[in-house]
Each structure stands twice: as structure tokens, then as C-alpha cells.
Amino acid sequence: MLAAGTAVRLITGPVISRLADRFGTHKQTLAVLLAMAAVIAFGYDLPAGFAIFLIVSVAHASTLAPIVPIADAMTLAAAPGRFQYGWVRGGASAAFIVGSVSAGQVIAATSLGGIVWMNGTLLALAAVAALWLPRNALDRPLAPRQANVRALLAAPGFLPLMALAALVMSSHALHDGFEVLRWEDGGIGPGAAGLLWSEGVLAEVVVFVVVGPTLLRRLGPAGAAALAASAGIVRWSVTAMTAWLPAMALVEPLHGLTFALLHLACMQMLSVVVPPALAATAQGIYGGVAVGTMTAIMTLVSGPLYGALGPRAFWFMALLCAAALPIAFAMRRISINASGSNPIQPAPGRYTSAHACRSVKSAAGPGGPSRGFTSA
């Protein structure tokens, strides 16, 4: 059942994101998806049965998958000069914490079915909120929507960026599935384990909102990605060697770098190499295909790997981050060498290089060295 949901996400995320780009209907698509997800969510309260549960689960996954790529593309387009993208993602992470705590309280006060209604209601409110979003810069008339996806894949830096994100993000798979077991074997009780997990989420929020934007300005996106990969090497190496509580308390906050900082760096690099006509498409490929597929593979591998090697399996996660380091350094060279060229050339007359140049300069922000492309 979980595999079916994952498989459908890998398809619907990129496909529907591409359709939103193609027709320039990001706001409308987002609202419809949220409304559909809300209706389907109430299906989890239907009479028990494997077939019904499978249908509801797959349908729900198919509607949820494109929401984040489309919302991220809209946020990146709206952010320059108005707010930081990290503020939005940090707020989402904080809301996740509140939602998790609230879900536990709802279950305690009612039953497991209470969170079904909570889930559906929140999605319905999100659909209403989406209708109130201001007109987005991505929602253009149909004419400029002919940018070539193959040109996106061939753009300097795009595929290396996908590989970089896939390696570092998927290294979290073993942590998500077996870190608590690792802590338990090391004598860390449930209470301390909960605090360690909360420490990682809190670090994620802090990096998204406060630390991350500063590091991006100082290091640039490629340097920030290299720092995230280096933090991953340290984090997983320590976890492979020990489950000593003080050591875990020191490395668990590195989640703010291995996840949040890397994501911010990837978003900034995507805003440079991807034209607005393919913004949601690129987000769908990033989250659904590159990171999603690699994480699914690593999740499948993690069980046998931990069963065979135990805590030493975390060395393999450190190796994934080490493999990402040379890609991060190469991304720095690509961004420098690409200056003075337009990385993606859409069909003539459909998406002008001048428009691309204006969009990239806006997305990169003022003072960003070698982060924009000028028209050829």
C-alpha cells in the first residue's frame, strides 16, 4: 500500500506540475488539488476494507504530490523583494510540529478517526486560502508556455543539481527508519529520543528562518550545498560510531544543515537555471523524481542494510554525502562559467531571453555574485 502511494506520487507530481506550467494556472491548480485532497481524506473514515483503503490512499497520494512543487514554485516567484522563501518553509515546519502535537491531543480526546476529520478540514481550509492568493507572476497567458522540457534537462547545472539533492536528501532514509532503534540499542529511552527528534526539527526551523539566508549570502548556493553535504558526512559518521547521548545531542541539530540548508541552496539554484515557464515542472522533477525516487530506493535498501550491518550502515549514508561534495564544487564552477549566457533557450518568440534575464535577476536578489544570467 505504501509502495503504491509512492509510485503514484512519482508520476502525478511531475505531470500535474508540468500541466500547471503549460497552461499558466498554478493558483487554480493548487486550489483544486487541495479541495480534492480534502474530499478524499474523509474517505479514510469509510468502513474498513483493504480495497477501499488502498483506493483512498492512492487517490490521496496522487492529489497531494503536486501541491508542494506548485506551491514552492509560486513562493519562489513571489518572494524576491517581498519576503524570504525560508520564512515560508520554516513556518511550514513549525506548523508540522504544532499539527503533530495537536493530532495526539485529538486522538486522546476522541479516537483515531478524529485525525481523519482534522486532516480533511485543514486541507479544505487550505483550499479556501489558495483562492485568496494574489495573482502570481507564473500565471501568464498560454503563449509563453512552450518552453522545452528537454532544454531544461540539458541546461548547465540542472542534472548535477538533481544528483546532488538526491544523494544528500536520500541519506536521511536510514535515519528516518532506524535512528530510534539505534538510540534504543544505545540505551537512549523514549523521552530522550523524543527530545532528540524535536531538536532536529527545531534546528530545521531555525535554519530556514534565520541561519540559512545568511549562509546563502556568505557562501553562495553551491558553497551552502557543500556545507550541507559535509555536515551529512559528520552526522552519519558519528551515528555509525556511537549512540552516546551527548554525541547525539550535538549531531542531531545538523539536520538543519543536511536538510533545510540544502533545500534552500537547491531552491536558489533552481531559481537561476530554470525559466518561469518551467518553474513548477522543475520543482516536480526535483522533489518527485530526483529526491523522491532516490529516497524510495534508499528506504527499500535501508532495512536489509541495517539488518546486515547494524549501526555501521550509517557509513553508507556518509558515503552518499561524500559523493555529493564534488558535485557541489562543480556547481560553483558551472554558475561562474554560465555567467553571460542564458541556460535555457525556449522556442523563438515564446519566451524571450530578456524576460528570462529579468526573472533571474529578480530571483537571485541584489548583490548575488555570479547568480544571474544575462542575455546572450
Protein backbone atom coordinates (compact mmCIF):
# COMPACT_ATOMS: atom_id res chain seq x y z
CA MET A 1 0.00 0.00 0.00
CA LEU A 2 2.82 2.39 0.89
CA ALA A 3 4.66 1.39 -2.29
CA ALA A 4 1.56 2.12 -4.39
CA GLY A 5 1.27 5.58 -2.88
CA THR A 6 4.94 6.28 -3.51
CA ALA A 7 4.71 5.07 -7.11
CA VAL A 8 1.73 7.28 -7.94
CA ARG A 9 3.44 10.30 -6.35
CA LEU A 10 6.42 9.86 -8.67
CA ILE A 11 4.03 10.15 -11.63
CA THR A 12 1.40 12.71 -10.63
CA GLY A 13 3.81 15.17 -9.00
CA PRO A 14 5.86 15.99 -12.13
CA VAL A 15 2.97 15.51 -14.59
CA ILE A 16 0.46 17.83 -12.90
CA SER A 17 3.20 20.35 -12.13
CA ARG A 18 4.03 20.38 -15.83
CA LEU A 19 0.38 20.95 -16.73
CA ALA A 20 0.23 23.90 -14.33
CA ASP A 21 3.23 25.38 -16.14
CA ARG A 22 1.82 24.59 -19.56
CA PHE A 23 -1.47 26.36 -19.01
CA GLY A 24 -0.28 29.00 -16.53
CA THR A 25 -2.88 28.03 -13.93
CA HIS A 26 -0.80 27.49 -10.80
CA LYS A 27 -3.18 29.16 -8.36
CA GLN A 28 -6.26 27.40 -9.74
CA THR A 29 -4.49 24.03 -9.90
CA LEU A 30 -3.30 24.39 -6.31
CA ALA A 31 -6.80 25.21 -5.06
CA VAL A 32 -8.38 22.30 -6.96
CA LEU A 33 -5.77 19.83 -5.71
CA LEU A 34 -6.24 20.92 -2.10
CA ALA A 35 -10.03 20.66 -2.40
CA MET A 36 -9.78 17.18 -3.96
CA ALA A 37 -7.32 16.07 -1.27
CA ALA A 38 -9.73 17.33 1.42
CA VAL A 39 -12.66 15.35 -0.01
CA ILE A 40 -10.58 12.20 -0.47
CA ALA A 41 -9.15 12.49 3.06
CA PHE A 42 -12.60 11.91 4.54
CA GLY A 43 -12.58 8.57 2.70
CA TYR A 44 -10.24 7.20 5.35
CA ASP A 45 -13.29 7.16 7.64
CA LEU A 46 -15.20 4.80 5.35
CA PRO A 47 -15.94 1.23 6.53
CA ALA A 48 -12.74 -0.78 6.89
CA GLY A 49 -11.55 -2.89 3.97
CA PHE A 50 -8.23 -3.29 2.24
CA ALA A 51 -9.53 -2.45 -1.26
CA ILE A 52 -11.25 0.76 -0.12
CA PHE A 53 -8.27 1.82 1.95
CA LEU A 54 -5.92 1.19 -0.99
CA ILE A 55 -8.06 3.25 -3.38
CA VAL A 56 -8.33 6.13 -0.92
CA SER A 57 -4.63 6.01 -0.13
CA VAL A 58 -3.54 6.06 -3.79
CA ALA A 59 -6.05 8.77 -4.72
CA HIS A 60 -4.95 10.90 -1.78
CA ALA A 61 -1.28 10.49 -2.66
CA SER A 62 -1.96 11.47 -6.28
CA THR A 63 -3.56 14.76 -5.26
CA LEU A 64 -1.04 15.62 -2.55
CA ALA A 65 2.08 15.01 -4.67
CA PRO A 66 1.90 18.12 -6.91
CA ILE A 67 0.92 20.52 -4.10
CA VAL A 68 4.41 21.18 -2.72
CA PRO A 69 6.15 21.59 -6.13
CA ILE A 70 3.50 24.05 -7.34
CA ALA A 71 3.41 25.94 -4.03
CA ASP A 72 7.22 26.13 -3.93
CA ALA A 73 7.34 27.47 -7.49
CA MET A 74 4.74 30.12 -6.65
CA THR A 75 6.56 31.08 -3.45
CA LEU A 76 9.91 31.47 -5.20
CA ALA A 77 8.29 33.65 -7.86
CA ALA A 78 6.59 35.88 -5.28
CA ALA A 79 9.44 36.12 -2.75
CA PRO A 80 12.03 38.47 -4.33
CA GLY A 81 11.84 41.92 -2.77
CA ARG A 82 8.94 40.95 -0.51
CA PHE A 83 9.94 38.08 1.82
CA GLN A 84 12.39 35.21 2.23
CA TYR A 85 11.44 31.80 0.85
CA GLY A 86 12.91 30.24 4.01
CA TRP A 87 10.34 32.04 6.13
CA VAL A 88 7.55 30.14 4.39
CA ARG A 89 9.25 26.75 4.66
CA GLY A 90 10.23 27.44 8.27
CA GLY A 91 6.62 28.34 9.05
CA ALA A 92 5.53 25.07 7.45
CA SER A 93 7.98 23.10 9.60
CA ALA A 94 6.72 24.89 12.71
CA ALA A 95 3.14 24.15 11.68
CA PHE A 96 4.10 20.48 11.31
CA ILE A 97 5.24 20.44 14.94
CA VAL A 98 2.00 22.06 16.09
CA GLY A 99 -0.04 19.69 13.93
CA SER A 100 1.73 16.61 15.27
CA VAL A 101 1.13 17.65 18.87
CA SER A 102 -2.48 18.59 18.11
CA ALA A 103 -3.10 15.26 16.37
CA GLY A 104 -2.03 13.42 19.50
CA GLN A 105 -4.40 15.50 21.59
CA VAL A 106 -7.26 14.90 19.14
CA ILE A 107 -6.72 11.14 19.25
CA ALA A 108 -6.61 11.19 23.06
CA ALA A 109 -9.83 13.22 23.24
CA THR A 110 -11.75 11.34 20.54
CA SER A 111 -10.43 8.36 18.59
CA LEU A 112 -8.14 7.60 15.67
CA GLY A 113 -10.92 8.74 13.36
CA GLY A 114 -10.64 12.22 14.83
CA ILE A 115 -7.46 12.96 12.90
CA VAL A 116 -9.20 11.95 9.66
CA TRP A 117 -11.61 14.84 10.13
CA MET A 118 -8.80 17.09 11.30
CA ASN A 119 -6.81 16.28 8.15
CA GLY A 120 -9.74 16.83 5.80
CA THR A 121 -10.79 20.06 7.49
CA LEU A 122 -7.29 21.57 7.36
CA LEU A 123 -6.95 20.67 3.68
CA ALA A 124 -10.33 22.27 2.96
CA LEU A 125 -9.25 25.46 4.75
CA ALA A 126 -6.04 25.44 2.72
CA ALA A 127 -8.08 25.19 -0.49
CA VAL A 128 -10.08 28.26 0.54
CA ALA A 129 -6.86 30.11 1.42
CA ALA A 130 -5.42 29.25 -2.01
CA LEU A 131 -8.33 31.07 -3.66
CA TRP A 132 -7.27 34.25 -1.85
CA LEU A 133 -3.68 34.13 -3.08
CA PRO A 134 -2.73 37.16 -5.20
CA ARG A 135 -2.10 36.73 -8.91
CA ASN A 136 1.26 35.03 -9.35
CA ALA A 137 3.99 36.00 -11.79
CA LEU A 138 3.97 32.43 -13.12
CA ASP A 139 0.35 32.65 -14.25
CA ARG A 140 0.91 34.05 -17.71
CA PRO A 141 -1.20 33.71 -20.87
CA LEU A 142 -0.88 30.50 -22.86
CA ALA A 143 1.56 31.91 -25.44
CA PRO A 144 4.74 31.89 -23.31
CA ARG A 145 4.17 28.33 -22.11
CA GLN A 146 6.09 26.49 -24.84
CA ALA A 147 9.46 26.21 -23.06
CA ASN A 148 11.09 22.88 -23.89
CA VAL A 149 11.43 20.36 -21.05
CA ARG A 150 14.33 18.71 -22.87
CA ALA A 151 16.12 22.04 -22.80
CA LEU A 152 15.57 22.11 -19.05
CA LEU A 153 17.24 18.70 -18.67
CA ALA A 154 20.12 19.87 -20.87
CA ALA A 155 20.62 23.16 -19.00
CA PRO A 156 24.06 23.57 -17.40
CA GLY A 157 23.79 22.60 -13.77
CA PHE A 158 20.25 21.19 -13.73
CA LEU A 159 21.03 17.45 -13.76
CA PRO A 160 24.06 17.81 -11.45
CA LEU A 161 21.80 19.71 -9.06
CA MET A 162 19.27 16.87 -9.18
CA ALA A 163 22.03 14.36 -8.41
CA LEU A 164 23.35 16.49 -5.54
CA ALA A 165 19.90 16.81 -3.96
CA ALA A 166 19.13 13.11 -4.46
CA LEU A 167 22.34 11.97 -2.75
CA VAL A 168 22.13 14.17 0.35
CA MET A 169 18.36 14.06 0.83
CA SER A 170 18.16 10.27 0.42
CA SER A 171 20.88 9.81 3.05
CA HIS A 172 18.15 10.63 5.61
CA ALA A 173 16.25 7.42 4.74
CA LEU A 174 18.17 5.22 7.19
CA HIS A 175 17.83 7.87 9.90
CA ASP A 176 14.08 8.17 9.43
CA GLY A 177 13.55 4.43 9.56
CA PHE A 178 16.11 3.18 12.07
CA GLU A 179 17.56 6.06 14.11
CA VAL A 180 15.20 5.46 17.04
CA LEU A 181 16.21 1.77 17.07
CA ARG A 182 19.83 2.87 17.05
CA TRP A 183 19.19 5.14 20.03
CA GLU A 184 17.28 2.43 21.86
CA ASP A 185 20.13 -0.05 21.40
CA GLY A 186 22.48 2.61 22.77
CA GLY A 187 20.42 3.00 25.95
CA ILE A 188 18.51 6.15 24.99
CA GLY A 189 14.94 6.00 26.30
CA PRO A 190 11.75 7.16 24.55
CA GLY A 191 11.70 10.51 26.35
CA ALA A 192 15.25 11.42 25.37
CA ALA A 193 14.65 10.10 21.85
CA GLY A 194 11.66 12.40 21.50
CA LEU A 195 13.77 15.35 22.61
CA LEU A 196 16.50 14.48 20.12
CA TRP A 197 13.95 14.27 17.31
CA SER A 198 12.45 17.60 18.34
CA GLU A 199 15.94 19.09 18.42
CA GLY A 200 16.39 18.21 14.76
CA VAL A 201 13.06 19.72 13.72
CA LEU A 202 13.76 22.88 15.73
CA ALA A 203 17.14 23.21 14.01
CA GLU A 204 15.35 22.89 10.68
CA VAL A 205 13.07 25.81 11.53
CA VAL A 206 15.98 27.97 12.75
CA VAL A 207 17.99 27.36 9.57
CA PHE A 208 15.03 28.03 7.30
CA VAL A 209 14.11 31.30 9.02
CA VAL A 210 17.34 32.74 10.45
CA VAL A 211 20.63 30.99 9.70
CA GLY A 212 20.05 29.70 6.19
CA PRO A 213 19.56 33.02 4.35
CA THR A 214 22.74 34.38 5.96
CA LEU A 215 24.76 31.32 4.95
CA LEU A 216 23.44 31.57 1.40
CA ARG A 217 24.53 35.19 1.16
CA ARG A 218 28.00 34.44 2.51
CA LEU A 219 28.71 31.10 0.82
CA GLY A 220 26.51 31.22 -2.26
CA PRO A 221 24.18 28.31 -3.07
CA ALA A 222 26.96 25.94 -4.20
CA GLY A 223 29.01 26.65 -1.07
CA ALA A 224 25.95 26.15 1.12
CA ALA A 225 25.26 22.82 -0.60
CA ALA A 226 28.88 21.77 0.04
CA LEU A 227 28.46 22.69 3.73
CA ALA A 228 25.25 20.63 3.90
CA ALA A 229 26.97 17.59 2.37
CA SER A 230 29.92 17.99 4.77
CA ALA A 231 27.52 18.17 7.71
CA GLY A 232 25.96 14.94 6.46
CA ILE A 233 29.34 13.21 6.47
CA VAL A 234 29.91 14.28 10.08
CA ARG A 235 26.37 13.47 11.20
CA TRP A 236 26.20 9.94 9.79
CA SER A 237 29.81 9.10 10.71
CA VAL A 238 29.20 9.94 14.36
CA THR A 239 25.94 7.98 14.32
CA ALA A 240 27.77 4.97 12.87
CA MET A 241 30.34 5.06 15.68
CA THR A 242 28.27 5.81 18.78
CA ALA A 243 24.81 6.33 20.27
CA TRP A 244 26.18 8.19 23.30
CA LEU A 245 23.52 10.70 24.28
CA PRO A 246 25.78 13.80 24.43
CA ALA A 247 27.16 12.96 20.98
CA MET A 248 23.67 12.54 19.58
CA ALA A 249 22.61 15.85 21.14
CA LEU A 250 25.47 17.53 19.27
CA VAL A 251 24.91 16.00 15.83
CA GLU A 252 21.12 15.89 15.66
CA PRO A 253 20.86 19.69 15.11
CA LEU A 254 22.94 19.15 11.95
CA HIS A 255 19.58 18.23 10.42
CA GLY A 256 19.16 21.96 9.95
CA LEU A 257 22.12 21.87 7.54
CA THR A 258 21.66 18.46 5.90
CA PHE A 259 18.02 19.15 5.07
CA ALA A 260 16.99 22.80 5.44
CA LEU A 261 20.18 24.48 4.18
CA LEU A 262 20.49 22.07 1.27
CA HIS A 263 16.88 22.70 0.30
CA LEU A 264 17.38 26.48 0.41
CA ALA A 265 20.51 26.15 -1.74
CA CYS A 266 18.68 23.99 -4.27
CA MET A 267 15.79 26.43 -4.44
CA GLN A 268 18.11 29.34 -5.12
CA MET A 269 19.99 27.42 -7.83
CA LEU A 270 16.71 26.36 -9.43
CA SER A 271 15.55 29.98 -9.47
CA VAL A 272 18.63 30.78 -11.56
CA VAL A 273 18.79 27.94 -14.08
CA VAL A 274 15.03 27.47 -14.63
CA PRO A 275 12.79 29.93 -16.54
CA PRO A 276 9.39 30.80 -15.04
CA ALA A 277 7.64 28.82 -17.78
CA LEU A 278 9.10 25.62 -16.29
CA ALA A 279 9.22 26.57 -12.60
CA ALA A 280 6.68 24.03 -11.31
CA THR A 281 7.95 21.39 -13.75
CA ALA A 282 11.46 21.74 -12.33
CA GLN A 283 10.08 21.54 -8.78
CA GLY A 284 8.20 18.37 -9.71
CA ILE A 285 11.34 16.78 -11.12
CA TYR A 286 13.37 17.89 -8.11
CA GLY A 287 11.00 16.66 -5.40
CA GLY A 288 9.14 13.88 -7.19
CA VAL A 289 11.70 12.28 -9.48
CA ALA A 290 15.21 13.06 -8.21
CA VAL A 291 14.75 13.21 -4.44
CA GLY A 292 11.58 11.09 -4.36
CA THR A 293 12.91 8.18 -6.40
CA MET A 294 16.28 8.07 -4.68
CA THR A 295 14.69 8.27 -1.23
CA ALA A 296 12.28 5.45 -2.12
CA ILE A 297 15.21 3.30 -3.25
CA MET A 298 17.21 4.06 -0.12
CA THR A 299 14.19 3.34 2.07
CA LEU A 300 13.91 -0.11 0.49
CA VAL A 301 17.64 -0.70 0.90
CA SER A 302 17.81 0.59 4.48
CA GLY A 303 16.08 -2.42 6.04
CA PRO A 304 18.40 -5.11 4.66
CA LEU A 305 21.39 -2.79 5.12
CA TYR A 306 20.68 -2.16 8.81
CA GLY A 307 19.82 -5.82 9.33
CA ALA A 308 23.20 -6.88 7.91
CA LEU A 309 25.46 -4.15 9.27
CA GLY A 310 23.61 -2.63 12.21
CA PRO A 311 24.80 0.90 13.09
CA ARG A 312 27.67 0.55 10.60
CA ALA A 313 25.06 1.03 7.86
CA PHE A 314 25.25 4.76 8.59
CA TRP A 315 28.70 4.76 6.99
CA PHE A 316 26.90 4.17 3.70
CA MET A 317 24.81 7.30 4.30
CA ALA A 318 28.01 9.25 4.97
CA LEU A 319 29.37 7.91 1.68
CA LEU A 320 26.34 9.28 -0.18
CA CYS A 321 27.05 12.75 1.23
CA ALA A 322 30.74 12.41 0.34
CA ALA A 323 29.75 11.61 -3.24
CA ALA A 324 27.73 14.84 -3.33
CA LEU A 325 30.68 17.06 -2.37
CA PRO A 326 32.45 17.13 -5.77
CA ILE A 327 29.09 17.87 -7.42
CA ALA A 328 28.64 20.87 -5.14
CA PHE A 329 32.08 22.17 -6.07
CA ALA A 330 31.30 21.59 -9.75
CA MET A 331 28.05 23.53 -9.34
CA ARG A 332 30.13 26.51 -8.22
CA ARG A 333 32.17 26.33 -11.42
CA ILE A 334 29.04 25.93 -13.52
CA SER A 335 27.40 29.02 -12.01
CA ILE A 336 30.56 31.04 -12.66
CA ASN A 337 31.06 29.77 -16.21
CA ALA A 338 27.39 30.23 -17.08
CA SER A 339 27.55 33.95 -16.40
CA GLY A 340 26.83 35.79 -19.64
CA SER A 341 24.66 33.04 -21.13
CA ASN A 342 21.04 32.04 -20.98
CA PRO A 343 21.00 28.38 -19.81
CA ILE A 344 17.65 27.51 -21.39
CA GLN A 345 16.57 28.69 -24.80
CA PRO A 346 12.81 28.16 -25.35
CA ALA A 347 11.14 28.21 -28.73
CA PRO A 348 11.71 31.53 -30.52
CA GLY A 349 9.02 34.08 -29.83
CA ARG A 350 7.63 32.08 -26.95
CA TYR A 351 9.88 33.08 -24.08
CA THR A 352 12.36 35.85 -24.65
CA SER A 353 15.83 35.92 -23.16
CA ALA A 354 15.18 39.45 -21.91
CA HIS A 355 12.22 38.18 -19.87
CA ALA A 356 14.39 35.32 -18.57
CA CYS A 357 17.12 37.75 -17.64
CA ARG A 358 14.72 39.97 -15.68
CA SER A 359 13.25 36.97 -13.87
CA VAL A 360 16.63 35.54 -12.95
CA LYS A 361 17.95 38.85 -11.66
CA SER A 362 14.83 39.21 -9.52
CA ALA A 363 15.08 35.65 -8.19
CA ALA A 364 18.78 35.89 -7.41
CA GLY A 365 18.36 39.09 -5.44
CA PRO A 366 20.64 42.09 -5.26
CA GLY A 367 24.35 41.64 -4.87
CA GLY A 368 24.39 37.92 -5.65
CA PRO A 369 27.75 37.25 -7.41
CA SER A 370 27.54 35.05 -10.49
CA ARG A 371 23.95 34.09 -9.72
CA GLY A 372 22.26 35.68 -12.68
CA PHE A 373 22.43 35.14 -16.40
CA THR A 374 22.49 37.93 -18.94
CA SER A 375 21.06 37.63 -22.37
CA ALA A 376 23.34 36.21 -25.00
